[in-house]
Amino acid sequence: MTVIVVVGVASTAALTYTQPKSYTASTDVQVTPTSATDANFQGFSLFHAPLDGSSVVVAAARVMNAGSVHKAAAERLGSRAAGASIKIAPLSQADIVAVTVTAPDPQQAADVANTYAQVFVAQRTTLFHTELAARIATLNRQLTAIPVPQRAGNFIYSTLQGNVAT
């Protein structure tokens, strides 16, 4: 009986010491949706609060898991991403998307998790800025289409001007 216990302990110790170590790091991205009834941002690729009160983080997690985010993060990380395992999960009760990375090195796990979050936020920011610039350009074209003599007291002109905030 003692021999079996010693062999079992020795086998477990051998497996434990020969297994490569793995480290886990996580980062969270808070998703703050715009109101579904906010007319100012209709047509923008923002996360809008569903009218049924459900969470938008499932959609945000799907966007974060898209190929464009993986590709951009992989390009930014280069060989530092080798051996890392990435899990993206929505935490719907808190409107948070968690990025959890397991890697052979603790710093690598943290770098990969943070890079994924940074790439996601950067891509969403760029998309918003692009859509906002296009919306402002459209409003400015509509403003200039109204002849100067007709602008004073013109409700449409005042509304457009208010939207551009000029």
Foldseek 3Di string as FASTA:
>chain_A
DVVVVVVVVVVVVVCVVPDQDKDKDKDKDAADADDPPPPLCPPAPHQYQDPVRWASQVVLLVLLVDPVLVVVLCVVCPPLCPAKDWDWAGPRVRRMIMIMIMHSDHVSNHSSNVSSNVSSVVVSVVSRVVVVVVVLVVLVVVLPVDDPVPQVPDPVNVVSCVSNVD
